[in-house]
Amino acid sequence: MAFMRDDQAKQLIYHWIYGRGKRLLIDNDDVWNEYMKANPNFKQRVMDSTYGAFRKGESEFSFTNGSLVLSETGHGGYFTGYDLLNGSNKEVGGFSLSGEAYNEDDTVYVKVNYEYNDIMDVNGKYYTDSLFAVLANISFGNSIFTLPWWFCKDYKVKISGTVIYEVPQ
């Protein structure tokens, strides 16, 4: 879909259309790790957790079954993977992270293990979701009407991995 701004959005939509409802597991994929690391909301949650641990005199922290909104607009959309993932879903595990800060050559880093869980589904209360479901089927790929609209299946997605940030001082 030409209007999608990144490959992650295309992967998520492609799986929704062709994945037949099977869970999408993305485990420690380098491209996805960098993508998640680049999200400002993700980074803010990591830094908040890191500084929270520092205030307690600790170097380790964890955060389990919480929520995290990845969309930079604060609501969903269809242009980026962040928009499509929007917010984690606690019913399927939510958002969790654990990390440890360490010092290397007078620079502080934090190594973070994360897990982001969501359900990719059409939210019927938003007319744009229903419209998008129809348009996705009409325009995805090179042919018109590639699949009937009811063929798209909601699915669970789990993205997990490890990232390292330099901690600003």
C-alpha atoms as a PDB file:
ATOM      1  CA  MET A   1       0.000   0.000   0.000  1.00  0.00           C
ATOM      2  CA  ALA A   2       1.643   3.110  -1.267  1.00  0.00           C
ATOM      3  CA  PHE A   3       0.354   5.417   1.469  1.00  0.00           C
ATOM      4  CA  MET A   4       2.071   3.454   4.242  1.00  0.00           C
ATOM      5  CA  ARG A   5       5.255   5.144   5.390  1.00  0.00           C
ATOM      6  CA  ASP A   6       7.227   2.187   6.681  1.00  0.00           C
ATOM      7  CA  ASP A   7       7.761  -1.519   6.143  1.00  0.00           C
ATOM      8  CA  GLN A   8       6.466  -2.344   9.614  1.00  0.00           C
ATOM      9  CA  ALA A   9       3.005  -0.994   8.732  1.00  0.00           C
ATOM     10  CA  LYS A  10       3.046  -3.055   5.542  1.00  0.00           C
ATOM     11  CA  GLN A  11       4.066  -6.186   7.464  1.00  0.00           C
ATOM     12  CA  LEU A  12       1.271  -5.734  10.016  1.00  0.00           C
ATOM     13  CA  ILE A  13      -1.402  -5.111   7.368  1.00  0.00           C
ATOM     14  CA  TYR A  14      -0.155  -7.914   5.143  1.00  0.00           C
ATOM     15  CA  HIS A  15      -0.442 -10.320   8.087  1.00  0.00           C
ATOM     16  CA  TRP A  16      -3.947  -9.059   8.849  1.00  0.00           C
ATOM     17  CA  ILE A  17      -5.020  -9.727   5.279  1.00  0.00           C
ATOM     18  CA  TYR A  18      -3.110 -12.946   4.592  1.00  0.00           C
ATOM     19  CA  GLY A  19      -2.198 -14.346   8.026  1.00  0.00           C
ATOM     20  CA  ARG A  20      -5.583 -16.038   8.567  1.00  0.00           C
ATOM     21  CA  GLY A  21      -5.686 -14.947  12.205  1.00  0.00           C
ATOM     22  CA  LYS A  22      -2.448 -16.667  13.225  1.00  0.00           C
ATOM     23  CA  ARG A  23      -0.447 -14.940  15.936  1.00  0.00           C
ATOM     24  CA  LEU A  24       2.454 -12.833  14.657  1.00  0.00           C
ATOM     25  CA  LEU A  25       5.592 -13.362  16.733  1.00  0.00           C
ATOM     26  CA  ILE A  26       8.521 -11.013  16.189  1.00  0.00           C
ATOM     27  CA  ASP A  27      11.349 -12.066  18.479  1.00  0.00           C
ATOM     28  CA  ASN A  28      14.585 -10.102  18.730  1.00  0.00           C
ATOM     29  CA  ASP A  29      14.508  -9.041  15.092  1.00  0.00           C
ATOM     30  CA  ASP A  30      17.219  -6.396  14.514  1.00  0.00           C
ATOM     31  CA  VAL A  31      15.041  -4.256  12.253  1.00  0.00           C
ATOM     32  CA  TRP A  32      12.106  -4.288  14.669  1.00  0.00           C
ATOM     33  CA  ASN A  33      14.419  -3.648  17.643  1.00  0.00           C
ATOM     34  CA  GLU A  34      15.736  -0.488  15.963  1.00  0.00           C
ATOM     35  CA  TYR A  35      12.198   0.507  15.005  1.00  0.00           C
ATOM     36  CA  MET A  36      10.916   0.165  18.560  1.00  0.00           C
ATOM     37  CA  LYS A  37      14.018   1.886  19.930  1.00  0.00           C
ATOM     38  CA  ALA A  38      13.400   4.877  17.631  1.00  0.00           C
ATOM     39  CA  ASN A  39       9.872   5.453  18.972  1.00  0.00           C
ATOM     40  CA  PRO A  40       9.854   8.508  21.276  1.00  0.00           C
ATOM     41  CA  ASN A  41       7.137   7.095  23.572  1.00  0.00           C
ATOM     42  CA  PHE A  42       9.037   3.819  23.951  1.00  0.00           C
ATOM     43  CA  LYS A  43      12.263   5.677  24.719  1.00  0.00           C
ATOM     44  CA  GLN A  44      10.501   7.926  27.246  1.00  0.00           C
ATOM     45  CA  ARG A  45       9.114   4.890  29.105  1.00  0.00           C
ATOM     46  CA  VAL A  46      12.605   3.354  29.224  1.00  0.00           C
ATOM     47  CA  MET A  47      14.195   6.590  30.472  1.00  0.00           C
ATOM     48  CA  ASP A  48      11.451   7.142  33.070  1.00  0.00           C
ATOM     49  CA  SER A  49      12.018   3.605  34.368  1.00  0.00           C
ATOM     50  CA  THR A  50      15.795   4.076  34.354  1.00  0.00           C
ATOM     51  CA  TYR A  51      15.686   7.369  36.266  1.00  0.00           C
ATOM     52  CA  GLY A  52      13.121   5.899  38.657  1.00  0.00           C
ATOM     53  CA  ALA A  53      15.574   3.119  39.492  1.00  0.00           C
ATOM     54  CA  PHE A  54      18.403   5.632  39.885  1.00  0.00           C
ATOM     55  CA  ARG A  55      16.323   7.674  42.359  1.00  0.00           C
ATOM     56  CA  LYS A  56      15.977   4.512  44.466  1.00  0.00           C
ATOM     57  CA  GLY A  57      19.708   3.879  44.258  1.00  0.00           C
ATOM     58  CA  GLU A  58      19.200   0.876  41.989  1.00  0.00           C
ATOM     59  CA  SER A  59      20.518   0.015  38.550  1.00  0.00           C
ATOM     60  CA  GLU A  60      17.844  -2.539  37.619  1.00  0.00           C
ATOM     61  CA  PHE A  61      14.150  -2.056  36.938  1.00  0.00           C
ATOM     62  CA  SER A  62      11.122  -3.862  35.579  1.00  0.00           C
ATOM     63  CA  PHE A  63       7.678  -2.895  34.399  1.00  0.00           C
ATOM     64  CA  THR A  64       5.089  -5.597  33.689  1.00  0.00           C
ATOM     65  CA  ASN A  65       1.713  -5.800  31.982  1.00  0.00           C
ATOM     66  CA  GLY A  66       1.449  -2.074  31.565  1.00  0.00           C
ATOM     67  CA  SER A  67       0.310  -0.048  28.639  1.00  0.00           C
ATOM     68  CA  LEU A  68       2.238   1.901  26.078  1.00  0.00           C
ATOM     69  CA  VAL A  69       0.898   4.044  23.256  1.00  0.00           C
ATOM     70  CA  LEU A  70       3.304   4.011  20.317  1.00  0.00           C
ATOM     71  CA  SER A  71       1.362   6.293  17.983  1.00  0.00           C
ATOM     72  CA  GLU A  72       2.846   9.766  18.038  1.00  0.00           C
ATOM     73  CA  THR A  73      -0.623  11.253  17.515  1.00  0.00           C
ATOM     74  CA  GLY A  74      -2.008   9.515  20.606  1.00  0.00           C
ATOM     75  CA  HIS A  75      -4.544   7.560  18.564  1.00  0.00           C
ATOM     76  CA  GLY A  76      -4.374   4.938  15.862  1.00  0.00           C
ATOM     77  CA  GLY A  77      -3.979   5.305  12.153  1.00  0.00           C
ATOM     78  CA  TYR A  78      -2.710   3.460   9.127  1.00  0.00           C
ATOM     79  CA  PHE A  79       0.450   5.216   7.957  1.00  0.00           C
ATOM     80  CA  THR A  80       3.086   3.681  10.230  1.00  0.00           C
ATOM     81  CA  GLY A  81       3.577   0.552  12.280  1.00  0.00           C
ATOM     82  CA  TYR A  82       3.358   2.778  15.364  1.00  0.00           C
ATOM     83  CA  ASP A  83      -0.074   3.974  14.240  1.00  0.00           C
ATOM     84  CA  LEU A  84      -1.303   0.438  13.655  1.00  0.00           C
ATOM     85  CA  LEU A  85       0.053  -0.891  16.934  1.00  0.00           C
ATOM     86  CA  ASN A  86      -1.245   2.237  18.677  1.00  0.00           C
ATOM     87  CA  GLY A  87      -1.493   0.959  22.262  1.00  0.00           C
ATOM     88  CA  SER A  88      -0.554  -2.331  23.879  1.00  0.00           C
ATOM     89  CA  ASN A  89      -3.386  -4.577  25.032  1.00  0.00           C
ATOM     90  CA  LYS A  90      -3.305  -5.823  28.640  1.00  0.00           C
ATOM     91  CA  GLU A  91      -5.668  -8.698  27.796  1.00  0.00           C
ATOM     92  CA  VAL A  92      -2.851 -10.365  25.841  1.00  0.00           C
ATOM     93  CA  GLY A  93       0.101  -9.330  28.013  1.00  0.00           C
ATOM     94  CA  GLY A  94       0.345  -5.562  27.594  1.00  0.00           C
ATOM     95  CA  PHE A  95       3.759  -3.947  27.628  1.00  0.00           C
ATOM     96  CA  SER A  96       6.613  -5.151  29.808  1.00  0.00           C
ATOM     97  CA  LEU A  97      10.232  -4.234  30.106  1.00  0.00           C
ATOM     98  CA  SER A  98      13.167  -4.951  32.312  1.00  0.00           C
ATOM     99  CA  GLY A  99      16.505  -3.302  32.208  1.00  0.00           C
ATOM    100  CA  GLU A 100      19.836  -2.721  33.789  1.00  0.00           C
ATOM    101  CA  ALA A 101      22.021   0.361  33.649  1.00  0.00           C
ATOM    102  CA  TYR A 102      25.766  -0.022  33.412  1.00  0.00           C
ATOM    103  CA  ASN A 103      28.800   2.214  33.070  1.00  0.00           C
ATOM    104  CA  GLU A 104      31.294   1.785  30.265  1.00  0.00           C
ATOM    105  CA  ASP A 105      34.132   4.272  29.730  1.00  0.00           C
ATOM    106  CA  ASP A 106      32.346   6.925  31.847  1.00  0.00           C
ATOM    107  CA  THR A 107      29.186   6.629  29.757  1.00  0.00           C
ATOM    108  CA  VAL A 108      25.993   5.201  31.256  1.00  0.00           C
ATOM    109  CA  TYR A 109      23.974   2.787  29.129  1.00  0.00           C
ATOM    110  CA  VAL A 110      20.779   0.894  29.780  1.00  0.00           C
ATOM    111  CA  LYS A 111      20.132  -2.525  28.281  1.00  0.00           C
ATOM    112  CA  VAL A 112      16.416  -3.207  28.022  1.00  0.00           C
ATOM    113  CA  ASN A 113      14.464  -6.385  27.305  1.00  0.00           C
ATOM    114  CA  TYR A 114      10.957  -5.567  26.118  1.00  0.00           C
ATOM    115  CA  GLU A 115       7.733  -7.283  25.171  1.00  0.00           C
ATOM    116  CA  TYR A 116       4.879  -5.514  23.410  1.00  0.00           C
ATOM    117  CA  ASN A 117       1.552  -7.348  22.978  1.00  0.00           C
ATOM    118  CA  ASP A 118      -1.483  -6.179  21.054  1.00  0.00           C
ATOM    119  CA  ILE A 119      -4.476  -7.384  19.089  1.00  0.00           C
ATOM    120  CA  MET A 120      -4.647  -6.198  15.503  1.00  0.00           C
ATOM    121  CA  ASP A 121      -8.324  -5.714  14.887  1.00  0.00           C
ATOM    122  CA  VAL A 122     -10.848  -3.428  13.312  1.00  0.00           C
ATOM    123  CA  ASN A 123     -12.351  -1.175  15.954  1.00  0.00           C
ATOM    124  CA  GLY A 124     -15.996  -0.850  14.932  1.00  0.00           C
ATOM    125  CA  LYS A 125     -16.517   2.377  16.861  1.00  0.00           C
ATOM    126  CA  TYR A 126     -14.234   4.160  14.388  1.00  0.00           C
ATOM    127  CA  TYR A 127     -15.746   4.406  10.925  1.00  0.00           C
ATOM    128  CA  THR A 128     -12.254   4.824   9.464  1.00  0.00           C
ATOM    129  CA  ASP A 129     -11.312   1.324  10.686  1.00  0.00           C
ATOM    130  CA  SER A 130     -14.245  -0.240   8.861  1.00  0.00           C
ATOM    131  CA  LEU A 131     -13.568   1.838   5.757  1.00  0.00           C
ATOM    132  CA  PHE A 132      -9.893   0.917   5.853  1.00  0.00           C
ATOM    133  CA  ALA A 133     -10.767  -2.781   6.092  1.00  0.00           C
ATOM    134  CA  VAL A 134     -12.665  -2.516   2.820  1.00  0.00           C
ATOM    135  CA  LEU A 135     -10.062  -0.329   1.111  1.00  0.00           C
ATOM    136  CA  ALA A 136      -7.218  -2.597   2.214  1.00  0.00           C
ATOM    137  CA  ASN A 137      -8.800  -5.477   0.384  1.00  0.00           C
ATOM    138  CA  ILE A 138      -9.504  -3.457  -2.725  1.00  0.00           C
ATOM    139  CA  SER A 139      -6.096  -1.852  -3.072  1.00  0.00           C
ATOM    140  CA  PHE A 140      -3.585  -4.272  -1.525  1.00  0.00           C
ATOM    141  CA  GLY A 141      -1.319  -5.865  -4.092  1.00  0.00           C
ATOM    142  CA  ASN A 142      -1.394  -5.319  -7.820  1.00  0.00           C
ATOM    143  CA  SER A 143      -4.907  -6.513  -8.554  1.00  0.00           C
ATOM    144  CA  ILE A 144      -8.257  -5.083  -7.650  1.00  0.00           C
ATOM    145  CA  PHE A 145     -10.426  -7.043  -5.204  1.00  0.00           C
ATOM    146  CA  THR A 146      -7.627  -9.362  -4.164  1.00  0.00           C
ATOM    147  CA  LEU A 147      -9.684 -10.924  -1.360  1.00  0.00           C
ATOM    148  CA  PRO A 148     -13.230 -10.592  -0.057  1.00  0.00           C
ATOM    149  CA  TRP A 149     -13.406  -8.123   2.855  1.00  0.00           C
ATOM    150  CA  TRP A 150     -14.426 -10.818   5.314  1.00  0.00           C
ATOM    151  CA  PHE A 151     -11.187 -12.698   4.643  1.00  0.00           C
ATOM    152  CA  CYS A 152      -9.165 -10.307   6.841  1.00  0.00           C
ATOM    153  CA  LYS A 153      -8.644 -11.886  10.262  1.00  0.00           C
ATOM    154  CA  ASP A 154      -7.841 -10.148  13.524  1.00  0.00           C
ATOM    155  CA  TYR A 155      -4.719 -11.475  15.194  1.00  0.00           C
ATOM    156  CA  LYS A 156      -2.503 -11.157  18.232  1.00  0.00           C
ATOM    157  CA  VAL A 157       0.969  -9.720  17.822  1.00  0.00           C
ATOM    158  CA  LYS A 158       3.922 -10.070  20.177  1.00  0.00           C
ATOM    159  CA  ILE A 159       7.065  -8.050  19.562  1.00  0.00           C
ATOM    160  CA  SER A 160       9.968  -8.717  21.881  1.00  0.00           C
ATOM    161  CA  GLY A 161      13.637  -7.977  21.890  1.00  0.00           C
ATOM    162  CA  THR A 162      16.561  -6.158  23.429  1.00  0.00           C
ATOM    163  CA  VAL A 163      17.735  -2.587  22.867  1.00  0.00           C
ATOM    164  CA  ILE A 164      20.495  -0.449  24.362  1.00  0.00           C
ATOM    165  CA  TYR A 165      20.300   3.290  24.970  1.00  0.00           C
ATOM    166  CA  GLU A 166      22.902   5.750  26.107  1.00  0.00           C
ATOM    167  CA  VAL A 167      21.498   7.477  29.196  1.00  0.00           C
ATOM    168  CA  PRO A 168      21.744  11.282  29.012  1.00  0.00           C
ATOM    169  CA  GLN A 169      23.403  12.793  32.074  1.00  0.00           C
END
